[in-house]
């Protein structure tokens, strides 16, 4: 029997019409990330931390199965599209559902094995924290205002809960809901900087580079050999560790003097941008000896507030 193609099927076959955005699919997103973290832990200098993060991401996967977030109304979508602005800027659109997700993740970790002893007081503090204090902490995490050691310890757990609700909300949108943003270097849904980028394989996305949001896990297309921080196409170069394969490398820009990593699924089909970024801290150490500053942090490896990357408009 001959199958009649629907409009969406026809577009999927058209390699001249790549997906502009790849919306997160939470049913597999966190499971695949946890598996990649476990894989990358073998022989890694930060193996223990990667294995703990794999446990944290598995808790995200469990929580994602039951979370229900509210969809943005049509007026908000129209406003974002009219003004080329992110649809739901993260720090000002924290869905209350995140509290239940945080409770579930904390309880999951507390009931698990091999939780580092220094983390136990942090988990207890989060479990007993009131909603207002939690929301204030969430805003500090999202804007990167982390100066207290207690905030730094709690940040990965808080960000894990926020990621679940942000990804669930983004996954309920359609591509037509998502605005074209200016600049194109921030997530068109939540306005967060990309943690890294990834060269995808398969179907209409094969060989295309997507920036990966560190908050809602949305991906948006950006052509290769273009700085993901300032959008310059001049002076873009690539660096990798000596002797390393070509799966992960740093894209540097001579204009804004920043770098951001790229994971290449053409070299390893299991490459995952956030997990691979964490697993290649030796590359960050190499880059720390250069004039290039990291363009954005990894949300599961927070750092105290330091000097910001050079202004992309300078």
Foldseek 3Di string as FASTA:
>chain_A
DDDDDDPVRVLLQDLVRFQQKDADDLLCVLVLLLVLLQVLLVPFPPNLLSNVVSLLSVLLSVLLVDQDFDEDDPVLLVVCQVQQAASAAQLVHQTPSLLVSLLSSLVSLVPDPDDDPVLVVLSVCSNPDDPVVLSVLLNCLQVQQDADPSSQSNQLSSLSSQLSRLSSRRNVDDSVSFHRHVPNLADSHHRAGFQAKEQAPDTSSHRWIWGAGLRNRMTGTDHPCADSQQRDNPQWDWADDVPDDPQKIWIAHPQQQAIHMYGYCVVPVSDDRLSVVVSVVVNVVVCVVDSHHYQDHRSNNRDHDDDHRGHSVD
